[in-house]
């Protein structure tokens, strides 16, 4: 299933406030049910992670991990992944393992 990218700040703020969250040293995941019948994802990397090169690497790692999992996910959810400082040093398979744990805990998988 192809995921739609979240772009609006109000969507991010709504999910941060009302969604379920799961935290680990590698990644933070926010999940919320949406009224559409599709999967929407957003990726956040703050400047605490490092300069642009490190932030883009974190985004690429998260996107690669998510693309492997997206086939097994239910539609109708908004998901936000927040990168942490440890994310940039990991491989996408490690992040995928963490992501799978988070998504099972929130009931998306």
PDB file of N, CA and C in Angstrom:
ATOM      1  N   UNK A   1       0.841  -1.184   0.000  1.00  0.00           N
ATOM      2  CA  UNK A   1       0.000   0.000   0.000  1.00  0.00           C
ATOM      3  C   UNK A   1       0.883   1.243   0.000  1.00  0.00           C
ATOM      4  N   UNK A   2       0.596   2.160  -0.887  1.00  0.00           N
ATOM      5  CA  UNK A   2       1.345   3.399  -0.980  1.00  0.00           C
ATOM      6  C   UNK A   2       0.834   4.379   0.069  1.00  0.00           C
ATOM      7  N   UNK A   3       1.748   4.966   0.807  1.00  0.00           N
ATOM      8  CA  UNK A   3       1.378   5.921   1.848  1.00  0.00           C
ATOM      9  C   UNK A   3       1.415   7.342   1.293  1.00  0.00           C
ATOM     10  N   UNK A   4       0.510   8.161   1.776  1.00  0.00           N
ATOM     11  CA  UNK A   4       0.468   9.575   1.423  1.00  0.00           C
ATOM     12  C   UNK A   4       1.285  10.327   2.471  1.00  0.00           C
ATOM     13  N   UNK A   5       2.019  11.338   2.059  1.00  0.00           N
ATOM     14  CA  UNK A   5       2.872  12.087   2.974  1.00  0.00           C
ATOM     15  C   UNK A   5       2.094  13.209   3.645  1.00  0.00           C
ATOM     16  N   UNK A   6       2.239  13.310   4.960  1.00  0.00           N
ATOM     17  CA  UNK A   6       1.656  14.424   5.707  1.00  0.00           C
ATOM     18  C   UNK A   6       2.535  15.650   5.507  1.00  0.00           C
ATOM     19  N   UNK A   7       1.920  16.786   5.223  1.00  0.00           N
ATOM     20  CA  UNK A   7       2.703  17.996   4.989  1.00  0.00           C
ATOM     21  C   UNK A   7       2.248  19.178   5.840  1.00  0.00           C
ATOM     22  N   UNK A   8       0.974  19.199   6.239  1.00  0.00           N
ATOM     23  CA  UNK A   8       0.445  20.355   6.960  1.00  0.00           C
ATOM     24  C   UNK A   8       0.805  20.327   8.431  1.00  0.00           C
ATOM     25  N   UNK A   9       1.211  21.464   8.952  1.00  0.00           N
ATOM     26  CA  UNK A   9       1.588  21.583  10.356  1.00  0.00           C
ATOM     27  C   UNK A   9       0.409  21.242  11.265  1.00  0.00           C
ATOM     28  N   UNK A  10      -0.812  21.617  10.866  1.00  0.00           N
ATOM     29  CA  UNK A  10      -1.967  21.343  11.731  1.00  0.00           C
ATOM     30  C   UNK A  10      -2.209  19.847  11.886  1.00  0.00           C
ATOM     31  N   UNK A  11      -1.913  19.061  10.839  1.00  0.00           N
ATOM     32  CA  UNK A  11      -2.036  17.598  10.942  1.00  0.00           C
ATOM     33  C   UNK A  11      -1.023  17.047  11.949  1.00  0.00           C
ATOM     34  N   UNK A  12       0.221  17.527  11.853  1.00  0.00           N
ATOM     35  CA  UNK A  12       1.249  17.097  12.796  1.00  0.00           C
ATOM     36  C   UNK A  12       0.854  17.452  14.229  1.00  0.00           C
ATOM     37  N   UNK A  13       0.405  18.681  14.448  1.00  0.00           N
ATOM     38  CA  UNK A  13       0.043  19.129  15.798  1.00  0.00           C
ATOM     39  C   UNK A  13      -1.122  18.317  16.363  1.00  0.00           C
ATOM     40  N   UNK A  14      -2.118  18.017  15.524  1.00  0.00           N
ATOM     41  CA  UNK A  14      -3.273  17.230  15.960  1.00  0.00           C
ATOM     42  C   UNK A  14      -2.839  15.831  16.387  1.00  0.00           C
ATOM     43  N   UNK A  15      -1.957  15.214  15.617  1.00  0.00           N
ATOM     44  CA  UNK A  15      -1.502  13.860  15.936  1.00  0.00           C
ATOM     45  C   UNK A  15      -0.625  13.859  17.182  1.00  0.00           C
ATOM     46  N   UNK A  16       0.230  14.884  17.343  1.00  0.00           N
ATOM     47  CA  UNK A  16       1.053  14.980  18.556  1.00  0.00           C
ATOM     48  C   UNK A  16       0.173  15.078  19.799  1.00  0.00           C
ATOM     49  N   UNK A  17      -0.911  15.862  19.713  1.00  0.00           N
ATOM     50  CA  UNK A  17      -1.762  16.085  20.884  1.00  0.00           C
ATOM     51  C   UNK A  17      -2.681  14.914  21.185  1.00  0.00           C
ATOM     52  N   UNK A  18      -3.319  14.337  20.157  1.00  0.00           N
ATOM     53  CA  UNK A  18      -4.381  13.355  20.384  1.00  0.00           C
ATOM     54  C   UNK A  18      -3.998  11.921  20.082  1.00  0.00           C
ATOM     55  N   UNK A  19      -2.858  11.702  19.421  1.00  0.00           N
ATOM     56  CA  UNK A  19      -2.483  10.347  19.023  1.00  0.00           C
ATOM     57  C   UNK A  19      -1.800   9.555  20.121  1.00  0.00           C
ATOM     58  N   UNK A  20      -1.704   8.238  19.913  1.00  0.00           N
ATOM     59  CA  UNK A  20      -0.952   7.369  20.825  1.00  0.00           C
ATOM     60  C   UNK A  20       0.514   7.472  20.457  1.00  0.00           C
ATOM     61  N   UNK A  21       1.396   7.384  21.456  1.00  0.00           N
ATOM     62  CA  UNK A  21       2.822   7.436  21.152  1.00  0.00           C
ATOM     63  C   UNK A  21       3.554   6.278  21.805  1.00  0.00           C
ATOM     64  N   UNK A  22       4.604   5.842  21.135  1.00  0.00           N
ATOM     65  CA  UNK A  22       5.497   4.803  21.647  1.00  0.00           C
ATOM     66  C   UNK A  22       6.913   5.332  21.486  1.00  0.00           C
ATOM     67  N   UNK A  23       7.713   5.186  22.551  1.00  0.00           N
ATOM     68  CA  UNK A  23       9.056   5.769  22.557  1.00  0.00           C
ATOM     69  C   UNK A  23      10.098   4.675  22.741  1.00  0.00           C
ATOM     70  N   UNK A  24      11.185   4.788  22.007  1.00  0.00           N
ATOM     71  CA  UNK A  24      12.360   3.940  22.214  1.00  0.00           C
ATOM     72  C   UNK A  24      13.591   4.801  21.919  1.00  0.00           C
ATOM     73  N   UNK A  25      14.787   4.315  22.257  1.00  0.00           N
ATOM     74  CA  UNK A  25      15.986   5.137  22.005  1.00  0.00           C
ATOM     75  C   UNK A  25      16.219   5.428  20.518  1.00  0.00           C
ATOM     76  N   UNK A  26      15.697   4.568  19.642  1.00  0.00           N
ATOM     77  CA  UNK A  26      15.942   4.740  18.211  1.00  0.00           C
ATOM     78  C   UNK A  26      14.924   5.634  17.526  1.00  0.00           C
ATOM     79  N   UNK A  27      13.671   5.635  18.028  1.00  0.00           N
ATOM     80  CA  UNK A  27      12.575   6.239  17.278  1.00  0.00           C
ATOM     81  C   UNK A  27      11.399   6.551  18.192  1.00  0.00           C
ATOM     82  N   UNK A  28      10.636   7.582  17.845  1.00  0.00           N
ATOM     83  CA  UNK A  28       9.362   7.859  18.513  1.00  0.00           C
ATOM     84  C   UNK A  28       8.283   7.752  17.446  1.00  0.00           C
ATOM     85  N   UNK A  29       7.190   7.052  17.777  1.00  0.00           N
ATOM     86  CA  UNK A  29       6.114   6.846  16.813  1.00  0.00           C
ATOM     87  C   UNK A  29       4.806   7.373  17.380  1.00  0.00           C
ATOM     88  N   UNK A  30       4.117   8.203  16.616  1.00  0.00           N
ATOM     89  CA  UNK A  30       2.785   8.696  16.972  1.00  0.00           C
ATOM     90  C   UNK A  30       1.801   8.111  15.976  1.00  0.00           C
ATOM     91  N   UNK A  31       0.693   7.576  16.481  1.00  0.00           N
ATOM     92  CA  UNK A  31      -0.312   6.965  15.610  1.00  0.00           C
ATOM     93  C   UNK A  31      -1.689   7.485  15.981  1.00  0.00           C
ATOM     94  N   UNK A  32      -2.497   7.760  14.957  1.00  0.00           N
ATOM     95  CA  UNK A  32      -3.865   8.202  15.183  1.00  0.00           C
ATOM     96  C   UNK A  32      -4.730   7.722  14.025  1.00  0.00           C
ATOM     97  N   UNK A  33      -5.942   7.304  14.329  1.00  0.00           N
ATOM     98  CA  UNK A  33      -6.884   6.878  13.298  1.00  0.00           C
ATOM     99  C   UNK A  33      -7.313   8.113  12.498  1.00  0.00           C
ATOM    100  N   UNK A  34      -7.468   7.970  11.179  1.00  0.00           N
ATOM    101  CA  UNK A  34      -7.965   9.097  10.389  1.00  0.00           C
ATOM    102  C   UNK A  34      -9.293   8.741   9.740  1.00  0.00           C
ATOM    103  N   UNK A  35      -9.972   9.755   9.234  1.00  0.00           N
ATOM    104  CA  UNK A  35     -11.301   9.515   8.657  1.00  0.00           C
ATOM    105  C   UNK A  35     -11.234   9.105   7.186  1.00  0.00           C
ATOM    106  N   UNK A  36     -10.036   9.134   6.617  1.00  0.00           N
ATOM    107  CA  UNK A  36      -9.853   8.710   5.239  1.00  0.00           C
ATOM    108  C   UNK A  36      -9.524   7.226   5.245  1.00  0.00           C
ATOM    109  N   UNK A  37      -9.656   6.592   4.123  1.00  0.00           N
ATOM    110  CA  UNK A  37      -9.344   5.165   4.068  1.00  0.00           C
ATOM    111  C   UNK A  37      -7.970   4.949   3.440  1.00  0.00           C
ATOM    112  N   UNK A  38      -6.989   5.725   3.886  1.00  0.00           N
ATOM    113  CA  UNK A  38      -5.639   5.534   3.387  1.00  0.00           C
ATOM    114  C   UNK A  38      -4.626   5.757   4.508  1.00  0.00           C
ATOM    115  N   UNK A  39      -3.399   5.381   4.236  1.00  0.00           N
ATOM    116  CA  UNK A  39      -2.315   5.487   5.198  1.00  0.00           C
ATOM    117  C   UNK A  39      -1.557   6.776   4.910  1.00  0.00           C
ATOM    118  N   UNK A  40      -1.369   7.597   5.945  1.00  0.00           N
ATOM    119  CA  UNK A  40      -0.620   8.841   5.765  1.00  0.00           C
ATOM    120  C   UNK A  40       0.536   8.840   6.748  1.00  0.00           C
ATOM    121  N   UNK A  41       1.740   9.167   6.281  1.00  0.00           N
ATOM    122  CA  UNK A  41       2.891   9.185   7.188  1.00  0.00           C
ATOM    123  C   UNK A  41       3.611  10.526   7.118  1.00  0.00           C
ATOM    124  N   UNK A  42       4.270  10.853   8.224  1.00  0.00           N
ATOM    125  CA  UNK A  42       5.111  12.032   8.312  1.00  0.00           C
ATOM    126  C   UNK A  42       6.392  11.657   9.024  1.00  0.00           C
ATOM    127  N   UNK A  43       7.490  12.316   8.662  1.00  0.00           N
ATOM    128  CA  UNK A  43       8.776  12.060   9.305  1.00  0.00           C
ATOM    129  C   UNK A  43       9.313  13.391   9.812  1.00  0.00           C
ATOM    130  N   UNK A  44       9.716  13.404  11.081  1.00  0.00           N
ATOM    131  CA  UNK A  44      10.249  14.614  11.688  1.00  0.00           C
ATOM    132  C   UNK A  44      11.681  14.369  12.124  1.00  0.00           C
ATOM    133  N   UNK A  45      12.572  15.283  11.756  1.00  0.00           N
ATOM    134  CA  UNK A  45      13.947  15.243  12.252  1.00  0.00           C
ATOM    135  C   UNK A  45      14.293  16.649  12.713  1.00  0.00           C
ATOM    136  N   UNK A  46      14.683  16.775  13.962  1.00  0.00           N
ATOM    137  CA  UNK A  46      14.980  18.107  14.490  1.00  0.00           C
ATOM    138  C   UNK A  46      16.457  18.439  14.303  1.00  0.00           C
ATOM    139  N   UNK A  47      16.812  19.670  14.575  1.00  0.00           N
ATOM    140  CA  UNK A  47      18.197  20.098  14.429  1.00  0.00           C
ATOM    141  C   UNK A  47      19.104  19.505  15.507  1.00  0.00           C
ATOM    142  N   UNK A  48      18.494  18.925  16.546  1.00  0.00           N
ATOM    143  CA  UNK A  48      19.293  18.257  17.581  1.00  0.00           C
ATOM    144  C   UNK A  48      20.047  17.068  17.009  1.00  0.00           C
ATOM    145  N   UNK A  49      19.532  16.508  15.927  1.00  0.00           N
ATOM    146  CA  UNK A  49      20.131  15.319  15.316  1.00  0.00           C
ATOM    147  C   UNK A  49      21.455  15.648  14.662  1.00  0.00           C
ATOM    148  N   UNK A  50      21.553  16.825  14.114  1.00  0.00           N
ATOM    149  CA  UNK A  50      22.806  17.213  13.462  1.00  0.00           C
ATOM    150  C   UNK A  50      22.522  18.135  12.294  1.00  0.00           C
ATOM    151  N   UNK A  51      23.522  18.260  11.457  1.00  0.00           N
ATOM    152  CA  UNK A  51      23.378  19.114  10.282  1.00  0.00           C
ATOM    153  C   UNK A  51      22.515  18.410   9.229  1.00  0.00           C
ATOM    154  N   UNK A  52      22.291  19.078   8.116  1.00  0.00           N
ATOM    155  CA  UNK A  52      21.355  18.601   7.094  1.00  0.00           C
ATOM    156  C   UNK A  52      21.687  17.197   6.595  1.00  0.00           C
ATOM    157  N   UNK A  53      22.963  16.876   6.469  1.00  0.00           N
ATOM    158  CA  UNK A  53      23.354  15.563   5.956  1.00  0.00           C
ATOM    159  C   UNK A  53      22.861  14.460   6.894  1.00  0.00           C
ATOM    160  N   UNK A  54      23.054  14.641   8.206  1.00  0.00           N
ATOM    161  CA  UNK A  54      22.602  13.633   9.168  1.00  0.00           C
ATOM    162  C   UNK A  54      21.087  13.547   9.209  1.00  0.00           C
ATOM    163  N   UNK A  55      20.408  14.692   9.142  1.00  0.00           N
ATOM    164  CA  UNK A  55      18.937  14.689   9.174  1.00  0.00           C
ATOM    165  C   UNK A  55      18.373  13.977   7.953  1.00  0.00           C
ATOM    166  N   UNK A  56      18.949  14.238   6.772  1.00  0.00           N
ATOM    167  CA  UNK A  56      18.487  13.572   5.557  1.00  0.00           C
ATOM    168  C   UNK A  56      18.766  12.078   5.605  1.00  0.00           C
ATOM    169  N   UNK A  57      19.899  11.685   6.186  1.00  0.00           N
ATOM    170  CA  UNK A  57      20.202  10.258   6.334  1.00  0.00           C
ATOM    171  C   UNK A  57      19.161   9.585   7.217  1.00  0.00           C
ATOM    172  N   UNK A  58      18.780  10.244   8.320  1.00  0.00           N
ATOM    173  CA  UNK A  58      17.747   9.698   9.211  1.00  0.00           C
ATOM    174  C   UNK A  58      16.432   9.513   8.457  1.00  0.00           C
ATOM    175  N   UNK A  59      16.053  10.505   7.670  1.00  0.00           N
ATOM    176  CA  UNK A  59      14.815  10.410   6.889  1.00  0.00           C
ATOM    177  C   UNK A  59      14.870   9.251   5.905  1.00  0.00           C
ATOM    178  N   UNK A  60      16.003   9.095   5.230  1.00  0.00           N
ATOM    179  CA  UNK A  60      16.160   7.997   4.266  1.00  0.00           C
ATOM    180  C   UNK A  60      16.063   6.638   4.953  1.00  0.00           C
ATOM    181  N   UNK A  61      16.695   6.513   6.114  1.00  0.00           N
ATOM    182  CA  UNK A  61      16.664   5.249   6.864  1.00  0.00           C
ATOM    183  C   UNK A  61      15.233   4.918   7.273  1.00  0.00           C
ATOM    184  N   UNK A  62      14.509   5.922   7.793  1.00  0.00           N
ATOM    185  CA  UNK A  62      13.129   5.709   8.232  1.00  0.00           C
ATOM    186  C   UNK A  62      12.240   5.342   7.044  1.00  0.00           C
ATOM    187  N   UNK A  63      12.406   6.048   5.911  1.00  0.00           N
ATOM    188  CA  UNK A  63      11.611   5.747   4.716  1.00  0.00           C
ATOM    189  C   UNK A  63      11.872   4.331   4.209  1.00  0.00           C
ATOM    190  N   UNK A  64      13.143   3.914   4.212  1.00  0.00           N
ATOM    191  CA  UNK A  64      13.495   2.563   3.740  1.00  0.00           C
ATOM    192  C   UNK A  64      12.883   1.501   4.650  1.00  0.00           C
ATOM    193  N   UNK A  65      12.961   1.726   5.958  1.00  0.00           N
ATOM    194  CA  UNK A  65      12.388   0.762   6.908  1.00  0.00           C
ATOM    195  C   UNK A  65      10.876   0.690   6.739  1.00  0.00           C
ATOM    196  N   UNK A  66      10.233   1.836   6.549  1.00  0.00           N
ATOM    197  CA  UNK A  66       8.782   1.864   6.409  1.00  0.00           C
ATOM    198  C   UNK A  66       8.326   1.194   5.119  1.00  0.00           C
ATOM    199  N   UNK A  67       9.083   1.355   4.042  1.00  0.00           N
ATOM    200  CA  UNK A  67       8.665   0.766   2.764  1.00  0.00           C
ATOM    201  C   UNK A  67       8.597  -0.758   2.853  1.00  0.00           C
ATOM    202  N   UNK A  68       9.459  -1.368   3.666  1.00  0.00           N
ATOM    203  CA  UNK A  68       9.400  -2.822   3.847  1.00  0.00           C
ATOM    204  C   UNK A  68       8.185  -3.242   4.649  1.00  0.00           C
ATOM    205  N   UNK A  69       7.740  -2.405   5.590  1.00  0.00           N
ATOM    206  CA  UNK A  69       6.614  -2.741   6.459  1.00  0.00           C
ATOM    207  C   UNK A  69       5.256  -2.364   5.882  1.00  0.00           C
ATOM    208  N   UNK A  70       5.221  -1.422   4.956  1.00  0.00           N
ATOM    209  CA  UNK A  70       3.953  -0.823   4.530  1.00  0.00           C
ATOM    210  C   UNK A  70       2.969  -1.822   3.922  1.00  0.00           C
ATOM    211  N   UNK A  71       3.451  -2.940   3.421  1.00  0.00           N
ATOM    212  CA  UNK A  71       2.550  -3.935   2.831  1.00  0.00           C
ATOM    213  C   UNK A  71       1.671  -4.604   3.880  1.00  0.00           C
ATOM    214  N   UNK A  72       2.150  -4.689   5.119  1.00  0.00           N
ATOM    215  CA  UNK A  72       1.432  -5.395   6.187  1.00  0.00           C
ATOM    216  C   UNK A  72       0.548  -4.483   7.030  1.00  0.00           C
ATOM    217  N   UNK A  73       0.446  -3.204   6.683  1.00  0.00           N
ATOM    218  CA  UNK A  73      -0.263  -2.254   7.543  1.00  0.00           C
ATOM    219  C   UNK A  73      -1.721  -2.069   7.142  1.00  0.00           C
ATOM    220  N   UNK A  74      -2.546  -1.742   8.123  1.00  0.00           N
ATOM    221  CA  UNK A  74      -3.951  -1.432   7.882  1.00  0.00           C
ATOM    222  C   UNK A  74      -4.071   0.003   7.397  1.00  0.00           C
ATOM    223  N   UNK A  75      -5.047   0.262   6.544  1.00  0.00           N
ATOM    224  CA  UNK A  75      -5.292   1.619   6.063  1.00  0.00           C
ATOM    225  C   UNK A  75      -6.103   2.388   7.105  1.00  0.00           C
ATOM    226  N   UNK A  76      -6.151   3.696   6.963  1.00  0.00           N
ATOM    227  CA  UNK A  76      -6.969   4.514   7.851  1.00  0.00           C
ATOM    228  C   UNK A  76      -6.223   5.037   9.062  1.00  0.00           C
ATOM    229  N   UNK A  77      -4.886   5.149   8.967  1.00  0.00           N
ATOM    230  CA  UNK A  77      -4.096   5.658  10.085  1.00  0.00           C
ATOM    231  C   UNK A  77      -3.177   6.781   9.628  1.00  0.00           C
ATOM    232  N   UNK A  78      -2.929   7.720  10.543  1.00  0.00           N
ATOM    233  CA  UNK A  78      -1.881   8.726  10.363  1.00  0.00           C
ATOM    234  C   UNK A  78      -0.737   8.313  11.271  1.00  0.00           C
ATOM    235  N   UNK A  79       0.470   8.256  10.733  1.00  0.00           N
ATOM    236  CA  UNK A  79       1.634   7.841  11.503  1.00  0.00           C
ATOM    237  C   UNK A  79       2.725   8.895  11.347  1.00  0.00           C
ATOM    238  N   UNK A  80       3.320   9.283  12.482  1.00  0.00           N
ATOM    239  CA  UNK A  80       4.461  10.186  12.453  1.00  0.00           C
ATOM    240  C   UNK A  80       5.633   9.486  13.119  1.00  0.00           C
ATOM    241  N   UNK A  81       6.767   9.485  12.432  1.00  0.00           N
ATOM    242  CA  UNK A  81       7.999   8.945  12.994  1.00  0.00           C
ATOM    243  C   UNK A  81       8.921  10.116  13.307  1.00  0.00           C
ATOM    244  N   UNK A  82       9.407  10.159  14.543  1.00  0.00           N
ATOM    245  CA  UNK A  82      10.330  11.215  14.956  1.00  0.00           C
ATOM    246  C   UNK A  82      11.694  10.570  15.159  1.00  0.00           C
ATOM    247  N   UNK A  83      12.686  11.039  14.410  1.00  0.00           N
ATOM    248  CA  UNK A  83      14.032  10.496  14.517  1.00  0.00           C
ATOM    249  C   UNK A  83      14.687  10.974  15.808  1.00  0.00           C
ATOM    250  N   UNK A  84      15.534  10.133  16.367  1.00  0.00           N
ATOM    251  CA  UNK A  84      16.301  10.506  17.547  1.00  0.00           C
ATOM    252  C   UNK A  84      17.778  10.465  17.178  1.00  0.00           C
ATOM    253  N   UNK A  85      18.636  10.911  18.074  1.00  0.00           N
ATOM    254  CA  UNK A  85      20.063  11.004  17.738  1.00  0.00           C
ATOM    255  C   UNK A  85      20.658   9.656  17.345  1.00  0.00           C
ATOM    256  N   UNK A  86      20.162   8.581  17.913  1.00  0.00           N
ATOM    257  CA  UNK A  86      20.679   7.245  17.610  1.00  0.00           C
ATOM    258  C   UNK A  86      20.257   6.741  16.225  1.00  0.00           C
ATOM    259  N   UNK A  87      19.213   7.297  15.656  1.00  0.00           N
ATOM    260  CA  UNK A  87      18.662   6.814  14.387  1.00  0.00           C
ATOM    261  C   UNK A  87      19.691   6.862  13.253  1.00  0.00           C
ATOM    262  N   UNK A  88      20.467   7.913  13.189  1.00  0.00           N
ATOM    263  CA  UNK A  88      21.426   8.095  12.099  1.00  0.00           C
ATOM    264  C   UNK A  88      22.550   7.084  12.085  1.00  0.00           C
ATOM    265  N   UNK A  89      22.816   6.445  13.233  1.00  0.00           N
ATOM    266  CA  UNK A  89      23.918   5.485  13.302  1.00  0.00           C
ATOM    267  C   UNK A  89      23.468   4.062  13.011  1.00  0.00           C
ATOM    268  N   UNK A  90      22.160   3.852  12.897  1.00  0.00           N
ATOM    269  CA  UNK A  90      21.611   2.504  12.703  1.00  0.00           C
ATOM    270  C   UNK A  90      21.396   2.183  11.234  1.00  0.00           C
ATOM    271  N   UNK A  91      21.197   0.893  10.956  1.00  0.00           N
ATOM    272  CA  UNK A  91      20.823   0.461   9.612  1.00  0.00           C
ATOM    273  C   UNK A  91      19.302   0.412   9.539  1.00  0.00           C
ATOM    274  N   UNK A  92      18.772   0.413   8.321  1.00  0.00           N
ATOM    275  CA  UNK A  92      17.315   0.430   8.157  1.00  0.00           C
ATOM    276  C   UNK A  92      16.668  -0.837   8.708  1.00  0.00           C
ATOM    277  N   UNK A  93      17.394  -1.962   8.725  1.00  0.00           N
ATOM    278  CA  UNK A  93      16.814  -3.191   9.282  1.00  0.00           C
ATOM    279  C   UNK A  93      16.608  -3.069  10.798  1.00  0.00           C
ATOM    280  N   UNK A  94      17.535  -2.372  11.485  1.00  0.00           N
ATOM    281  CA  UNK A  94      17.376  -2.157  12.929  1.00  0.00           C
ATOM    282  C   UNK A  94      16.189  -1.244  13.205  1.00  0.00           C
ATOM    283  N   UNK A  95      16.062  -0.194  12.401  1.00  0.00           N
ATOM    284  CA  UNK A  95      14.946   0.732  12.561  1.00  0.00           C
ATOM    285  C   UNK A  95      13.637   0.031  12.218  1.00  0.00           C
ATOM    286  N   UNK A  96      13.666  -0.850  11.222  1.00  0.00           N
ATOM    287  CA  UNK A  96      12.460  -1.598  10.841  1.00  0.00           C
ATOM    288  C   UNK A  96      11.993  -2.494  11.989  1.00  0.00           C
ATOM    289  N   UNK A  97      12.924  -3.132  12.666  1.00  0.00           N
ATOM    290  CA  UNK A  97      12.585  -3.987  13.814  1.00  0.00           C
ATOM    291  C   UNK A  97      11.913  -3.156  14.911  1.00  0.00           C
ATOM    292  N   UNK A  98      12.467  -2.000  15.195  1.00  0.00           N
ATOM    293  CA  UNK A  98      11.901  -1.085  16.197  1.00  0.00           C
ATOM    294  C   UNK A  98      10.529  -0.588  15.761  1.00  0.00           C
ATOM    295  N   UNK A  99      10.401  -0.227  14.479  1.00  0.00           N
ATOM    296  CA  UNK A  99       9.150   0.268  13.922  1.00  0.00           C
ATOM    297  C   UNK A  99       8.050  -0.790  14.018  1.00  0.00           C
ATOM    298  N   UNK A 100       8.405  -2.036  13.711  1.00  0.00           N
ATOM    299  CA  UNK A 100       7.443  -3.138  13.783  1.00  0.00           C
ATOM    300  C   UNK A 100       6.911  -3.278  15.203  1.00  0.00           C
ATOM    301  N   UNK A 101       7.807  -3.172  16.204  1.00  0.00           N
ATOM    302  CA  UNK A 101       7.414  -3.270  17.608  1.00  0.00           C
ATOM    303  C   UNK A 101       6.435  -2.141  17.976  1.00  0.00           C
ATOM    304  N   UNK A 102       6.754  -0.926  17.522  1.00  0.00           N
ATOM    305  CA  UNK A 102       5.904   0.239  17.816  1.00  0.00           C
ATOM    306  C   UNK A 102       4.521   0.090  17.179  1.00  0.00           C
ATOM    307  N   UNK A 103       4.495  -0.338  15.911  1.00  0.00           N
ATOM    308  CA  UNK A 103       3.232  -0.423  15.190  1.00  0.00           C
ATOM    309  C   UNK A 103       2.347  -1.545  15.740  1.00  0.00           C
ATOM    310  N   UNK A 104       2.965  -2.625  16.215  1.00  0.00           N
ATOM    311  CA  UNK A 104       2.180  -3.675  16.864  1.00  0.00           C
ATOM    312  C   UNK A 104       1.607  -3.185  18.191  1.00  0.00           C
ATOM    313  N   UNK A 105       2.395  -2.409  18.930  1.00  0.00           N
ATOM    314  CA  UNK A 105       1.951  -1.888  20.221  1.00  0.00           C
ATOM    315  C   UNK A 105       0.788  -0.921  20.069  1.00  0.00           C
ATOM    316  N   UNK A 106       0.740  -0.169  18.984  1.00  0.00           N
ATOM    317  CA  UNK A 106      -0.338   0.795  18.772  1.00  0.00           C
ATOM    318  C   UNK A 106      -1.527   0.202  18.031  1.00  0.00           C
ATOM    319  N   UNK A 107      -1.396  -1.018  17.536  1.00  0.00           N
ATOM    320  CA  UNK A 107      -2.527  -1.689  16.875  1.00  0.00           C
ATOM    321  C   UNK A 107      -2.659  -1.417  15.406  1.00  0.00           C
ATOM    322  N   UNK A 108      -1.658  -0.861  14.765  1.00  0.00           N
ATOM    323  CA  UNK A 108      -1.730  -0.600  13.327  1.00  0.00           C
ATOM    324  C   UNK A 108      -1.435  -1.888  12.559  1.00  0.00           C
ATOM    325  N   UNK A 109      -0.599  -2.727  13.116  1.00  0.00           N
ATOM    326  CA  UNK A 109      -0.163  -3.955  12.432  1.00  0.00           C
ATOM    327  C   UNK A 109      -0.958  -5.154  12.907  1.00  0.00           C
TER     328      UNK A 109
END
